[in-house]
Amino acid sequence: MLPAALDELGLTFYPVASEAGQEAAARALARHMLAGELTPREFTFRIHQRYGHELPLTERLSELDDEYDVLEYGDRTVDQVVAEVTAEARRLVVYPTVPAEPTDTPR
């Protein structure tokens, strides 16, 4: 019933643990970060915690979370990492999604 109800509302149903569902959740977190509801550090931490290095779409964000952990030992600054996290968040927000199947067929 849920997939049909969501379809009726024009919403996409993502099966539990599907890659498409994980990507949609990552894009939602990116929107929250860009809206100022999460810091870049919180954003990368959540992405890394949820998906590790397994989800190709968010791999770079997980790597950036690792970079936050070693900033004091490297040659990058917090501002440089924040700029890259922000760029990655913007990339996620505009990343093409699979369009839902049209419910009306043209005649």
PDB file of N, CA and C in Angstrom:
ATOM      1  N   MET A   1       0.810  -1.194   0.000  1.00  0.00           N
ATOM      2  CA  MET A   1       0.000   0.000   0.000  1.00  0.00           C
ATOM      3  C   MET A   1       0.858   1.265   0.000  1.00  0.00           C
ATOM      4  N   LEU A   2       1.953   1.248   0.729  1.00  0.00           N
ATOM      5  CA  LEU A   2       2.774   2.450   0.850  1.00  0.00           C
ATOM      6  C   LEU A   2       3.321   2.916  -0.497  1.00  0.00           C
ATOM      7  N   PRO A   3       3.898   2.027  -1.313  1.00  0.00           N
ATOM      8  CA  PRO A   3       4.394   2.514  -2.610  1.00  0.00           C
ATOM      9  C   PRO A   3       3.287   3.153  -3.454  1.00  0.00           C
ATOM     10  N   ALA A   4       2.114   2.565  -3.446  1.00  0.00           N
ATOM     11  CA  ALA A   4       1.003   3.117  -4.228  1.00  0.00           C
ATOM     12  C   ALA A   4       0.561   4.471  -3.674  1.00  0.00           C
ATOM     13  N   ALA A   5       0.498   4.590  -2.352  1.00  0.00           N
ATOM     14  CA  ALA A   5       0.085   5.859  -1.735  1.00  0.00           C
ATOM     15  C   ALA A   5       1.100   6.955  -2.033  1.00  0.00           C
ATOM     16  N   LEU A   6       2.384   6.638  -1.928  1.00  0.00           N
ATOM     17  CA  LEU A   6       3.411   7.630  -2.229  1.00  0.00           C
ATOM     18  C   LEU A   6       3.370   8.030  -3.697  1.00  0.00           C
ATOM     19  N   ASP A   7       3.158   7.064  -4.560  1.00  0.00           N
ATOM     20  CA  ASP A   7       3.067   7.344  -5.993  1.00  0.00           C
ATOM     21  C   ASP A   7       1.902   8.281  -6.275  1.00  0.00           C
ATOM     22  N   GLU A   8       0.815   8.066  -5.595  1.00  0.00           N
ATOM     23  CA  GLU A   8      -0.357   8.921  -5.761  1.00  0.00           C
ATOM     24  C   GLU A   8      -0.057  10.366  -5.362  1.00  0.00           C
ATOM     25  N   LEU A   9       0.847  10.532  -4.413  1.00  0.00           N
ATOM     26  CA  LEU A   9       1.241  11.867  -3.965  1.00  0.00           C
ATOM     27  C   LEU A   9       2.393  12.445  -4.781  1.00  0.00           C
ATOM     28  N   GLY A  10       2.877  11.662  -5.747  1.00  0.00           N
ATOM     29  CA  GLY A  10       3.987  12.120  -6.571  1.00  0.00           C
ATOM     30  C   GLY A  10       5.339  11.973  -5.884  1.00  0.00           C
ATOM     31  N   LEU A  11       5.401  11.111  -4.873  1.00  0.00           N
ATOM     32  CA  LEU A  11       6.640  10.878  -4.132  1.00  0.00           C
ATOM     33  C   LEU A  11       7.251   9.546  -4.545  1.00  0.00           C
ATOM     34  N   THR A  12       8.544   9.430  -4.386  1.00  0.00           N
ATOM     35  CA  THR A  12       9.237   8.214  -4.766  1.00  0.00           C
ATOM     36  C   THR A  12       9.395   7.314  -3.550  1.00  0.00           C
ATOM     37  N   PHE A  13       9.127   6.032  -3.723  1.00  0.00           N
ATOM     38  CA  PHE A  13       9.325   5.043  -2.675  1.00  0.00           C
ATOM     39  C   PHE A  13      10.675   4.373  -2.896  1.00  0.00           C
ATOM     40  N   TYR A  14      11.526   4.429  -1.878  1.00  0.00           N
ATOM     41  CA  TYR A  14      12.825   3.774  -1.960  1.00  0.00           C
ATOM     42  C   TYR A  14      12.815   2.554  -1.042  1.00  0.00           C
ATOM     43  N   PRO A  15      13.084   1.372  -1.586  1.00  0.00           N
ATOM     44  CA  PRO A  15      13.146   0.184  -0.723  1.00  0.00           C
ATOM     45  C   PRO A  15      14.212   0.356   0.362  1.00  0.00           C
ATOM     46  N   VAL A  16      13.970  -0.242   1.515  1.00  0.00           N
ATOM     47  CA  VAL A  16      14.889  -0.146   2.639  1.00  0.00           C
ATOM     48  C   VAL A  16      16.286  -0.594   2.204  1.00  0.00           C
ATOM     49  N   ALA A  17      17.265   0.188   2.565  1.00  0.00           N
ATOM     50  CA  ALA A  17      18.686  -0.099   2.311  1.00  0.00           C
ATOM     51  C   ALA A  17      19.059  -0.109   0.832  1.00  0.00           C
ATOM     52  N   SER A  18      18.195   0.408  -0.036  1.00  0.00           N
ATOM     53  CA  SER A  18      18.559   0.465  -1.453  1.00  0.00           C
ATOM     54  C   SER A  18      19.569   1.587  -1.666  1.00  0.00           C
ATOM     55  N   GLU A  19      20.393   1.452  -2.680  1.00  0.00           N
ATOM     56  CA  GLU A  19      21.371   2.501  -2.975  1.00  0.00           C
ATOM     57  C   GLU A  19      20.665   3.805  -3.315  1.00  0.00           C
ATOM     58  N   ALA A  20      19.556   3.725  -4.049  1.00  0.00           N
ATOM     59  CA  ALA A  20      18.805   4.934  -4.402  1.00  0.00           C
ATOM     60  C   ALA A  20      18.275   5.623  -3.143  1.00  0.00           C
ATOM     61  N   GLY A  21      17.820   4.834  -2.168  1.00  0.00           N
ATOM     62  CA  GLY A  21      17.339   5.401  -0.909  1.00  0.00           C
ATOM     63  C   GLY A  21      18.459   6.037  -0.108  1.00  0.00           C
ATOM     64  N   GLN A  22      19.623   5.382  -0.094  1.00  0.00           N
ATOM     65  CA  GLN A  22      20.773   5.944   0.611  1.00  0.00           C
ATOM     66  C   GLN A  22      21.215   7.249  -0.038  1.00  0.00           C
ATOM     67  N   GLU A  23      21.207   7.280  -1.363  1.00  0.00           N
ATOM     68  CA  GLU A  23      21.589   8.503  -2.067  1.00  0.00           C
ATOM     69  C   GLU A  23      20.599   9.626  -1.791  1.00  0.00           C
ATOM     70  N   ALA A  24      19.315   9.299  -1.757  1.00  0.00           N
ATOM     71  CA  ALA A  24      18.305  10.323  -1.454  1.00  0.00           C
ATOM     72  C   ALA A  24      18.499  10.876  -0.044  1.00  0.00           C
ATOM     73  N   ALA A  25      18.822  10.003   0.897  1.00  0.00           N
ATOM     74  CA  ALA A  25      19.065  10.448   2.275  1.00  0.00           C
ATOM     75  C   ALA A  25      20.318  11.333   2.342  1.00  0.00           C
ATOM     76  N   ALA A  26      21.343  10.963   1.601  1.00  0.00           N
ATOM     77  CA  ALA A  26      22.574  11.771   1.573  1.00  0.00           C
ATOM     78  C   ALA A  26      22.301  13.144   0.974  1.00  0.00           C
ATOM     79  N   ARG A  27      21.493  13.189  -0.087  1.00  0.00           N
ATOM     80  CA  ARG A  27      21.137  14.481  -0.684  1.00  0.00           C
ATOM     81  C   ARG A  27      20.340  15.337   0.306  1.00  0.00           C
ATOM     82  N   ALA A  28      19.462  14.703   1.080  1.00  0.00           N
ATOM     83  CA  ALA A  28      18.690  15.440   2.085  1.00  0.00           C
ATOM     84  C   ALA A  28      19.619  16.025   3.153  1.00  0.00           C
ATOM     85  N   LEU A  29      20.601  15.239   3.597  1.00  0.00           N
ATOM     86  CA  LEU A  29      21.572  15.755   4.573  1.00  0.00           C
ATOM     87  C   LEU A  29      22.359  16.915   3.976  1.00  0.00           C
ATOM     88  N   ALA A  30      22.703  16.824   2.701  1.00  0.00           N
ATOM     89  CA  ALA A  30      23.436  17.908   2.028  1.00  0.00           C
ATOM     90  C   ALA A  30      22.597  19.189   2.028  1.00  0.00           C
ATOM     91  N   ARG A  31      21.309  19.055   1.752  1.00  0.00           N
ATOM     92  CA  ARG A  31      20.435  20.235   1.781  1.00  0.00           C
ATOM     93  C   ARG A  31      20.392  20.850   3.184  1.00  0.00           C
ATOM     94  N   HIS A  32      20.362  19.999   4.213  1.00  0.00           N
ATOM     95  CA  HIS A  32      20.363  20.509   5.596  1.00  0.00           C
ATOM     96  C   HIS A  32      21.659  21.254   5.894  1.00  0.00           C
ATOM     97  N   MET A  33      22.783  20.725   5.419  1.00  0.00           N
ATOM     98  CA  MET A  33      24.048  21.410   5.658  1.00  0.00           C
ATOM     99  C   MET A  33      24.074  22.751   4.942  1.00  0.00           C
ATOM    100  N   LEU A  34      23.651  22.766   3.699  1.00  0.00           N
ATOM    101  CA  LEU A  34      23.660  24.017   2.937  1.00  0.00           C
ATOM    102  C   LEU A  34      22.696  25.053   3.507  1.00  0.00           C
ATOM    103  N   ALA A  35      21.661  24.581   4.196  1.00  0.00           N
ATOM    104  CA  ALA A  35      20.703  25.487   4.833  1.00  0.00           C
ATOM    105  C   ALA A  35      21.196  25.966   6.203  1.00  0.00           C
ATOM    106  N   GLY A  36      22.361  25.480   6.617  1.00  0.00           N
ATOM    107  CA  GLY A  36      22.916  25.897   7.896  1.00  0.00           C
ATOM    108  C   GLY A  36      22.412  25.103   9.087  1.00  0.00           C
ATOM    109  N   GLU A  37      21.709  24.006   8.836  1.00  0.00           N
ATOM    110  CA  GLU A  37      21.174  23.193   9.922  1.00  0.00           C
ATOM    111  C   GLU A  37      22.189  22.181  10.457  1.00  0.00           C
ATOM    112  N   LEU A  38      23.252  21.951   9.712  1.00  0.00           N
ATOM    113  CA  LEU A  38      24.363  21.088  10.126  1.00  0.00           C
ATOM    114  C   LEU A  38      25.657  21.808   9.781  1.00  0.00           C
ATOM    115  N   THR A  39      26.660  21.651  10.610  1.00  0.00           N
ATOM    116  CA  THR A  39      27.972  22.183  10.242  1.00  0.00           C
ATOM    117  C   THR A  39      28.588  21.233   9.210  1.00  0.00           C
ATOM    118  N   PRO A  40      29.550  21.704   8.450  1.00  0.00           N
ATOM    119  CA  PRO A  40      30.225  20.802   7.515  1.00  0.00           C
ATOM    120  C   PRO A  40      30.818  19.581   8.225  1.00  0.00           C
ATOM    121  N   ARG A  41      31.355  19.775   9.413  1.00  0.00           N
ATOM    122  CA  ARG A  41      31.930  18.654  10.173  1.00  0.00           C
ATOM    123  C   ARG A  41      30.858  17.652  10.562  1.00  0.00           C
ATOM    124  N   GLU A  42      29.717  18.144  11.055  1.00  0.00           N
ATOM    125  CA  GLU A  42      28.603  17.246  11.414  1.00  0.00           C
ATOM    126  C   GLU A  42      28.107  16.480  10.192  1.00  0.00           C
ATOM    127  N   PHE A  43      28.025  17.179   9.080  1.00  0.00           N
ATOM    128  CA  PHE A  43      27.564  16.567   7.830  1.00  0.00           C
ATOM    129  C   PHE A  43      28.475  15.416   7.411  1.00  0.00           C
ATOM    130  N   THR A  44      29.784  15.661   7.355  1.00  0.00           N
ATOM    131  CA  THR A  44      30.696  14.586   6.934  1.00  0.00           C
ATOM    132  C   THR A  44      30.685  13.443   7.942  1.00  0.00           C
ATOM    133  N   PHE A  45      30.581  13.769   9.223  1.00  0.00           N
ATOM    134  CA  PHE A  45      30.548  12.728  10.245  1.00  0.00           C
ATOM    135  C   PHE A  45      29.334  11.817  10.048  1.00  0.00           C
ATOM    136  N   ARG A  46      28.167  12.423   9.831  1.00  0.00           N
ATOM    137  CA  ARG A  46      26.947  11.618   9.637  1.00  0.00           C
ATOM    138  C   ARG A  46      27.032  10.760   8.378  1.00  0.00           C
ATOM    139  N   ILE A  47      27.525  11.347   7.307  1.00  0.00           N
ATOM    140  CA  ILE A  47      27.676  10.589   6.061  1.00  0.00           C
ATOM    141  C   ILE A  47      28.623   9.411   6.275  1.00  0.00           C
ATOM    142  N   HIS A  48      29.767   9.684   6.882  1.00  0.00           N
ATOM    143  CA  HIS A  48      30.768   8.639   7.116  1.00  0.00           C
ATOM    144  C   HIS A  48      30.223   7.560   8.041  1.00  0.00           C
ATOM    145  N   GLN A  49      29.520   7.969   9.083  1.00  0.00           N
ATOM    146  CA  GLN A  49      28.958   7.023  10.044  1.00  0.00           C
ATOM    147  C   GLN A  49      27.902   6.122   9.389  1.00  0.00           C
ATOM    148  N   ARG A  50      27.065   6.691   8.541  1.00  0.00           N
ATOM    149  CA  ARG A  50      25.979   5.919   7.921  1.00  0.00           C
ATOM    150  C   ARG A  50      26.436   5.046   6.765  1.00  0.00           C
ATOM    151  N   TYR A  51      27.340   5.551   5.938  1.00  0.00           N
ATOM    152  CA  TYR A  51      27.670   4.850   4.692  1.00  0.00           C
ATOM    153  C   TYR A  51      29.128   4.404   4.605  1.00  0.00           C
ATOM    154  N   GLY A  52      29.949   4.830   5.546  1.00  0.00           N
ATOM    155  CA  GLY A  52      31.358   4.459   5.487  1.00  0.00           C
ATOM    156  C   GLY A  52      31.958   4.908   4.160  1.00  0.00           C
ATOM    157  N   HIS A  53      32.757   4.053   3.585  1.00  0.00           N
ATOM    158  CA  HIS A  53      33.368   4.329   2.284  1.00  0.00           C
ATOM    159  C   HIS A  53      32.723   3.456   1.204  1.00  0.00           C
ATOM    160  N   GLU A  54      31.513   2.978   1.475  1.00  0.00           N
ATOM    161  CA  GLU A  54      30.848   2.016   0.594  1.00  0.00           C
ATOM    162  C   GLU A  54      29.943   2.635  -0.471  1.00  0.00           C
ATOM    163  N   LEU A  55      29.416   3.815  -0.225  1.00  0.00           N
ATOM    164  CA  LEU A  55      28.483   4.434  -1.169  1.00  0.00           C
ATOM    165  C   LEU A  55      29.271   5.351  -2.099  1.00  0.00           C
ATOM    166  N   PRO A  56      29.369   4.996  -3.374  1.00  0.00           N
ATOM    167  CA  PRO A  56      30.190   5.790  -4.302  1.00  0.00           C
ATOM    168  C   PRO A  56      29.845   7.280  -4.316  1.00  0.00           C
ATOM    169  N   LEU A  57      28.577   7.615  -4.218  1.00  0.00           N
ATOM    170  CA  LEU A  57      28.160   9.007  -4.278  1.00  0.00           C
ATOM    171  C   LEU A  57      28.761   9.845  -3.143  1.00  0.00           C
ATOM    172  N   THR A  58      28.979   9.234  -1.992  1.00  0.00           N
ATOM    173  CA  THR A  58      29.445   9.976  -0.824  1.00  0.00           C
ATOM    174  C   THR A  58      30.874   9.625  -0.413  1.00  0.00           C
ATOM    175  N   GLU A  59      31.575   8.888  -1.229  1.00  0.00           N
ATOM    176  CA  GLU A  59      32.941   8.458  -0.891  1.00  0.00           C
ATOM    177  C   GLU A  59      33.834   9.640  -0.525  1.00  0.00           C
ATOM    178  N   ARG A  60      33.804  10.700  -1.323  1.00  0.00           N
ATOM    179  CA  ARG A  60      34.680  11.842  -1.046  1.00  0.00           C
ATOM    180  C   ARG A  60      34.341  12.487   0.294  1.00  0.00           C
ATOM    181  N   LEU A  61      33.069  12.530   0.654  1.00  0.00           N
ATOM    182  CA  LEU A  61      32.687  13.105   1.945  1.00  0.00           C
ATOM    183  C   LEU A  61      33.227  12.275   3.104  1.00  0.00           C
ATOM    184  N   SER A  62      33.244  10.961   2.953  1.00  0.00           N
ATOM    185  CA  SER A  62      33.820  10.103   3.987  1.00  0.00           C
ATOM    186  C   SER A  62      35.319  10.345   4.098  1.00  0.00           C
ATOM    187  N   GLU A  63      35.962  10.534   2.968  1.00  0.00           N
ATOM    188  CA  GLU A  63      37.396  10.857   2.981  1.00  0.00           C
ATOM    189  C   GLU A  63      37.643  12.205   3.669  1.00  0.00           C
ATOM    190  N   LEU A  64      36.751  13.167   3.415  1.00  0.00           N
ATOM    191  CA  LEU A  64      36.896  14.479   4.054  1.00  0.00           C
ATOM    192  C   LEU A  64      36.664  14.386   5.559  1.00  0.00           C
ATOM    193  N   ASP A  65      35.786  13.496   5.991  1.00  0.00           N
ATOM    194  CA  ASP A  65      35.609  13.279   7.418  1.00  0.00           C
ATOM    195  C   ASP A  65      36.908  12.760   8.024  1.00  0.00           C
ATOM    196  N   ASP A  66      37.580  11.866   7.328  1.00  0.00           N
ATOM    197  CA  ASP A  66      38.885  11.376   7.790  1.00  0.00           C
ATOM    198  C   ASP A  66      39.892  12.524   7.865  1.00  0.00           C
ATOM    199  N   GLU A  67      39.822  13.435   6.883  1.00  0.00           N
ATOM    200  CA  GLU A  67      40.753  14.573   6.879  1.00  0.00           C
ATOM    201  C   GLU A  67      40.547  15.475   8.084  1.00  0.00           C
ATOM    202  N   TYR A  68      39.286  15.660   8.505  1.00  0.00           N
ATOM    203  CA  TYR A  68      39.038  16.453   9.714  1.00  0.00           C
ATOM    204  C   TYR A  68      39.797  15.858  10.897  1.00  0.00           C
ATOM    205  N   ASP A  69      39.867  14.529  10.953  1.00  0.00           N
ATOM    206  CA  ASP A  69      40.516  13.860  12.077  1.00  0.00           C
ATOM    207  C   ASP A  69      42.031  14.055  12.111  1.00  0.00           C
ATOM    208  N   VAL A  70      42.629  14.375  10.973  1.00  0.00           N
ATOM    209  CA  VAL A  70      44.094  14.493  10.921  1.00  0.00           C
ATOM    210  C   VAL A  70      44.561  15.902  10.522  1.00  0.00           C
ATOM    211  N   LEU A  71      43.700  16.876  10.638  1.00  0.00           N
ATOM    212  CA  LEU A  71      44.061  18.237  10.240  1.00  0.00           C
ATOM    213  C   LEU A  71      45.329  18.740  10.932  1.00  0.00           C
ATOM    214  N   GLU A  72      45.473  18.441  12.186  1.00  0.00           N
ATOM    215  CA  GLU A  72      46.628  18.958  12.924  1.00  0.00           C
ATOM    216  C   GLU A  72      47.948  18.352  12.441  1.00  0.00           C
ATOM    217  N   TYR A  73      47.885  17.251  11.715  1.00  0.00           N
ATOM    218  CA  TYR A  73      49.101  16.593  11.236  1.00  0.00           C
ATOM    219  C   TYR A  73      49.395  16.870   9.768  1.00  0.00           C
ATOM    220  N   GLY A  74      48.435  17.454   9.055  1.00  0.00           N
ATOM    221  CA  GLY A  74      48.592  17.679   7.619  1.00  0.00           C
ATOM    222  C   GLY A  74      48.877  19.129   7.285  1.00  0.00           C
ATOM    223  N   ASP A  75      48.791  19.426   6.001  1.00  0.00           N
ATOM    224  CA  ASP A  75      49.080  20.786   5.553  1.00  0.00           C
ATOM    225  C   ASP A  75      47.825  21.537   5.096  1.00  0.00           C
ATOM    226  N   ARG A  76      46.659  20.933   5.296  1.00  0.00           N
ATOM    227  CA  ARG A  76      45.407  21.605   4.933  1.00  0.00           C
ATOM    228  C   ARG A  76      44.835  22.335   6.137  1.00  0.00           C
ATOM    229  N   THR A  77      44.047  23.382   5.843  1.00  0.00           N
ATOM    230  CA  THR A  77      43.393  24.136   6.907  1.00  0.00           C
ATOM    231  C   THR A  77      41.931  23.715   7.007  1.00  0.00           C
ATOM    232  N   VAL A  78      41.317  24.060   8.119  1.00  0.00           N
ATOM    233  CA  VAL A  78      39.891  23.779   8.297  1.00  0.00           C
ATOM    234  C   VAL A  78      39.097  24.453   7.189  1.00  0.00           C
ATOM    235  N   ASP A  79      39.447  25.690   6.857  1.00  0.00           N
ATOM    236  CA  ASP A  79      38.721  26.422   5.812  1.00  0.00           C
ATOM    237  C   ASP A  79      38.806  25.716   4.461  1.00  0.00           C
ATOM    238  N   GLN A  80      39.934  25.117   4.159  1.00  0.00           N
ATOM    239  CA  GLN A  80      40.072  24.382   2.892  1.00  0.00           C
ATOM    240  C   GLN A  80      39.169  23.156   2.873  1.00  0.00           C
ATOM    241  N   VAL A  81      39.112  22.444   3.985  1.00  0.00           N
ATOM    242  CA  VAL A  81      38.257  21.260   4.062  1.00  0.00           C
ATOM    243  C   VAL A  81      36.793  21.676   4.006  1.00  0.00           C
ATOM    244  N   VAL A  82      36.429  22.726   4.720  1.00  0.00           N
ATOM    245  CA  VAL A  82      35.051  23.226   4.709  1.00  0.00           C
ATOM    246  C   VAL A  82      34.642  23.607   3.286  1.00  0.00           C
ATOM    247  N   ALA A  83      35.523  24.263   2.560  1.00  0.00           N
ATOM    248  CA  ALA A  83      35.209  24.653   1.171  1.00  0.00           C
ATOM    249  C   ALA A  83      34.960  23.427   0.312  1.00  0.00           C
ATOM    250  N   GLU A  84      35.754  22.387   0.498  1.00  0.00           N
ATOM    251  CA  GLU A  84      35.555  21.179  -0.302  1.00  0.00           C
ATOM    252  C   GLU A  84      34.284  20.435   0.111  1.00  0.00           C
ATOM    253  N   VAL A  85      33.997  20.402   1.406  1.00  0.00           N
ATOM    254  CA  VAL A  85      32.756  19.775   1.884  1.00  0.00           C
ATOM    255  C   VAL A  85      31.553  20.510   1.295  1.00  0.00           C
ATOM    256  N   THR A  86      31.608  21.824   1.306  1.00  0.00           N
ATOM    257  CA  THR A  86      30.506  22.626   0.755  1.00  0.00           C
ATOM    258  C   THR A  86      30.330  22.355  -0.732  1.00  0.00           C
ATOM    259  N   ALA A  87      31.417  22.264  -1.459  1.00  0.00           N
ATOM    260  CA  ALA A  87      31.344  21.951  -2.895  1.00  0.00           C
ATOM    261  C   ALA A  87      30.741  20.568  -3.111  1.00  0.00           C
ATOM    262  N   GLU A  88      31.123  19.606  -2.290  1.00  0.00           N
ATOM    263  CA  GLU A  88      30.568  18.252  -2.408  1.00  0.00           C
ATOM    264  C   GLU A  88      29.078  18.246  -2.076  1.00  0.00           C
ATOM    265  N   ALA A  89      28.666  19.020  -1.071  1.00  0.00           N
ATOM    266  CA  ALA A  89      27.248  19.098  -0.716  1.00  0.00           C
ATOM    267  C   ALA A  89      26.446  19.676  -1.879  1.00  0.00           C
ATOM    268  N   ARG A  90      26.986  20.710  -2.502  1.00  0.00           N
ATOM    269  CA  ARG A  90      26.300  21.294  -3.674  1.00  0.00           C
ATOM    270  C   ARG A  90      26.208  20.288  -4.814  1.00  0.00           C
ATOM    271  N   ARG A  91      27.263  19.511  -5.003  1.00  0.00           N
ATOM    272  CA  ARG A  91      27.262  18.486  -6.052  1.00  0.00           C
ATOM    273  C   ARG A  91      26.168  17.456  -5.779  1.00  0.00           C
ATOM    274  N   LEU A  92      26.028  17.047  -4.526  1.00  0.00           N
ATOM    275  CA  LEU A  92      25.000  16.070  -4.175  1.00  0.00           C
ATOM    276  C   LEU A  92      23.605  16.603  -4.438  1.00  0.00           C
ATOM    277  N   VAL A  93      23.387  17.864  -4.091  1.00  0.00           N
ATOM    278  CA  VAL A  93      22.056  18.451  -4.244  1.00  0.00           C
ATOM    279  C   VAL A  93      21.631  18.488  -5.711  1.00  0.00           C
ATOM    280  N   VAL A  94      22.577  18.708  -6.609  1.00  0.00           N
ATOM    281  CA  VAL A  94      22.221  18.777  -8.029  1.00  0.00           C
ATOM    282  C   VAL A  94      22.472  17.457  -8.766  1.00  0.00           C
ATOM    283  N   TYR A  95      22.957  16.446  -8.046  1.00  0.00           N
ATOM    284  CA  TYR A  95      23.219  15.139  -8.653  1.00  0.00           C
ATOM    285  C   TYR A  95      21.928  14.615  -9.269  1.00  0.00           C
ATOM    286  N   PRO A  96      21.984  14.157 -10.503  1.00  0.00           N
ATOM    287  CA  PRO A  96      20.751  13.685 -11.137  1.00  0.00           C
ATOM    288  C   PRO A  96      20.163  12.473 -10.420  1.00  0.00           C
ATOM    289  N   THR A  97      18.883  12.512 -10.238  1.00  0.00           N
ATOM    290  CA  THR A  97      18.183  11.390  -9.620  1.00  0.00           C
ATOM    291  C   THR A  97      17.404  10.658 -10.689  1.00  0.00           C
ATOM    292  N   VAL A  98      17.063   9.429 -10.398  1.00  0.00           N
ATOM    293  CA  VAL A  98      16.265   8.653 -11.339  1.00  0.00           C
ATOM    294  C   VAL A  98      14.843   9.166 -11.257  1.00  0.00           C
ATOM    295  N   PRO A  99      14.289   9.644 -12.370  1.00  0.00           N
ATOM    296  CA  PRO A  99      12.920  10.180 -12.306  1.00  0.00           C
ATOM    297  C   PRO A  99      11.916   9.068 -12.038  1.00  0.00           C
ATOM    298  N   ALA A 100      10.874   9.422 -11.333  1.00  0.00           N
ATOM    299  CA  ALA A 100       9.794   8.465 -11.084  1.00  0.00           C
ATOM    300  C   ALA A 100       9.099   8.137 -12.387  1.00  0.00           C
ATOM    301  N   GLU A 101       8.564   6.954 -12.450  1.00  0.00           N
ATOM    302  CA  GLU A 101       7.816   6.544 -13.631  1.00  0.00           C
ATOM    303  C   GLU A 101       6.609   7.467 -13.797  1.00  0.00           C
ATOM    304  N   PRO A 102       6.349   7.923 -15.029  1.00  0.00           N
ATOM    305  CA  PRO A 102       5.163   8.763 -15.222  1.00  0.00           C
ATOM    306  C   PRO A 102       3.895   7.955 -14.942  1.00  0.00           C
ATOM    307  N   THR A 103       2.944   8.585 -14.263  1.00  0.00           N
ATOM    308  CA  THR A 103       1.698   7.883 -13.943  1.00  0.00           C
ATOM    309  C   THR A 103       0.657   8.056 -15.040  1.00  0.00           C
ATOM    310  N   ASP A 104       0.785   9.119 -15.807  1.00  0.00           N
ATOM    311  CA  ASP A 104      -0.138   9.334 -16.927  1.00  0.00           C
ATOM    312  C   ASP A 104       0.609   9.134 -18.231  1.00  0.00           C
ATOM    313  N   THR A 105       0.060   8.350 -19.106  1.00  0.00           N
ATOM    314  CA  THR A 105       0.680   8.158 -20.413  1.00  0.00           C
ATOM    315  C   THR A 105       0.021   9.065 -21.427  1.00  0.00           C
ATOM    316  N   PRO A 106       0.803   9.772 -22.213  1.00  0.00           N
ATOM    317  CA  PRO A 106       0.209  10.654 -23.228  1.00  0.00           C
ATOM    318  C   PRO A 106      -0.579   9.851 -24.245  1.00  0.00           C
ATOM    319  N   ARG A 107      -1.629  10.439 -24.719  1.00  0.00           N
ATOM    320  CA  ARG A 107      -2.471   9.741 -25.719  1.00  0.00           C
ATOM    321  C   ARG A 107      -2.286  10.332 -27.061  1.00  0.00           C
TER     322      ARG A 107
END
